């Protein structure tokens, strides 16, 4: 193990190299070169007989300052190299330097392309060791590690924006479009997502009146897909607008949109709010979004259309619509992940004599969705008869089961088999008050869910969403880097600056009068971030837990504005309003109304975690404080203050696992803030 190494942190290098022949000659040669400058060890030197490969390698990587993934033509299957990269990058969101380097010899750069995902795709970390110049470049990088802030000064903006759009819009719309296209045969049966190179988003896709030889885009009022959903505890109206595209005698009807999240990229660049390469971010946005379409199996429902700028949208849209209309026969129908033709693999539930009730809850939910499952007998290893499974394996982990060597052995065996094949098929369910920090470190990169309390089965629904898809390539687990800047700026630019209008005070007054309320409402939006990022529980119920004399009640919502940016006609922006009451003092009862909501970027992280986008649960639960810090920095900027005007917004971070301060206390402090303007 790495703990036996003589090197001190800050000067140690670990070379991961593994091949089936057990010949480490090439790795030893690389070590001899590096050993002149650093204390260096290879994987072969640190592995101990009788120790799990996974556990040994993970421990070594975590305790070493620099890691080199060394790939040659004799290397083992790519799964182990992907895991080594994943383990090395696990905490990179919270570090300032890139600690992982990729060296390759006897192969081409294309042969290590399976590692070009997530943060490794965004940063220059690959070194060609077929020449001595490559060795020199590698040594220089070891001496002067790359600062991530220099390569990604505005953070990983595009990644946060992709999942913001997926979790807040496309995740709902894509499934509705499947049936909508079936019942509207005149439509080109793909939703066209237009992504201009300059990332500017037009106010509308409709063009001017007909002119000879020109492409004209028009919209008939009411011609759209419209439905309602609850997103992050707030009812929302979703729309997919239908446009008529005409050039001469040719005419097509399409659902199309320029994703509004792109304004974060162009806004940051135009207003010099962050150093950002617009064209590169646009390319990264398209690539990451395409990966989501592939993973979700939405390729037959959604298509990305790129163009130069806003002026080029009509031409690009017409060309794509025409191509799709000509290539799609009458018999072709879009299908989705819920079609009966999709064969679901068996889910294996690892039985534990200490947690039968949790397994029963999971089985019930799987049965509701007709997902086949098997439960192994207590004490039986899932892989006792070999690993020929195709589906997911679910382990229930409790304090009692962690004391069992047998349980840990089974998890390690399954994970080792997964790593060997480069696929991820293991899910953990943490029971009760068990924390991820209580789980062995080499398990923490795996997606897990919480079975919080008896009767709370919300975790089973998330399990169903995950196991309904195929086991995924481990490359999609590679950390994406710091997504906080993208999520935070997008939240301000694409939501807060639109929702908090200049006449918000009048809107509040109208709302209060309609409700016949005289206690007043503050002109400040209170945004709540919970550590778990779980928005299943209604905000007022979460706040009122364990509160006796104080209470938070939902009173309704009001419309602040409508917006048609990007082609989504008439999108409404609403705010939830709550009442805070304090009856602890009968002589001086307190009553005050206030707008509040969950911070919607949390749902992006939930989607990233569930969809294996390089955000582990452990990482997700540590993002809240980072988001709050950047949020407060952004809201203090003169530019943002000018945009918000007299409106105020504050963010509360609440640890919904273990908090000494109840949420109602945190809310009361913001509600009764003497600097908050009260509207009557």
Foldseek 3Di string as FASTA:
>chain_A
DLVPFPFAAPFEEEEEFAAPVPDCVVVVVLCVLCVVRGRYDYLVVQDDPPDFSLQSLLVNLVRYQAYEYEEEPRTADCLQVLLSLQSNCVCQQVDFFRRYAYEYENDDPVVVCLLCAAPNVQDPRYFYPNDVVSSVVVNVCSVPTDGVCVSCVLWLQLLLLLLLCCLVAVVPVLVVLQVVCVVDVQALQAEEAEFALLLDWDQALADDDDDAQDKGKDFDPPQWDWDWDQALQRIFIYIFGWIWIDHVPDIGIHGYFHRPLSVLLNVCVVVVVTDDDSNVSSVVNVVSNVVVCVQFVSPSHYDYFYDHDSVCVSVRVVVVSVVSVVPDDPPDGDDGLLDPPDDFFEEEEEDDPVPVVLVVLLVVLCVVSVHHYYYDDPPDAPQPVHDPGFAAYEYEDEPVVVVDPSSVVSVSVVVVVCSSVQWDRYEYEYEALDDLVNDSPSCQLHAYHYPHDPPPSPRSVLVCVQSSGGTDGSSLQRANHNNLSNNLSSCLPVAVLVQLDPVVLVQVVVVCVVVVHDQFEWLEEEEEEELQLDSPDNPQVQQCPPPDQKGKAWDAKTWRAFGCIGHRPGGTHMWTKIWIWGCPDVVDIHIYMYTYGYSSSSSSLVCCCSSSRNQHSVNSSPCVVVNQVVNVVVCPDPVSCVSSPLGHYHYDYHHSSDDPDRPNVVVVCVRVPPVTDTRD
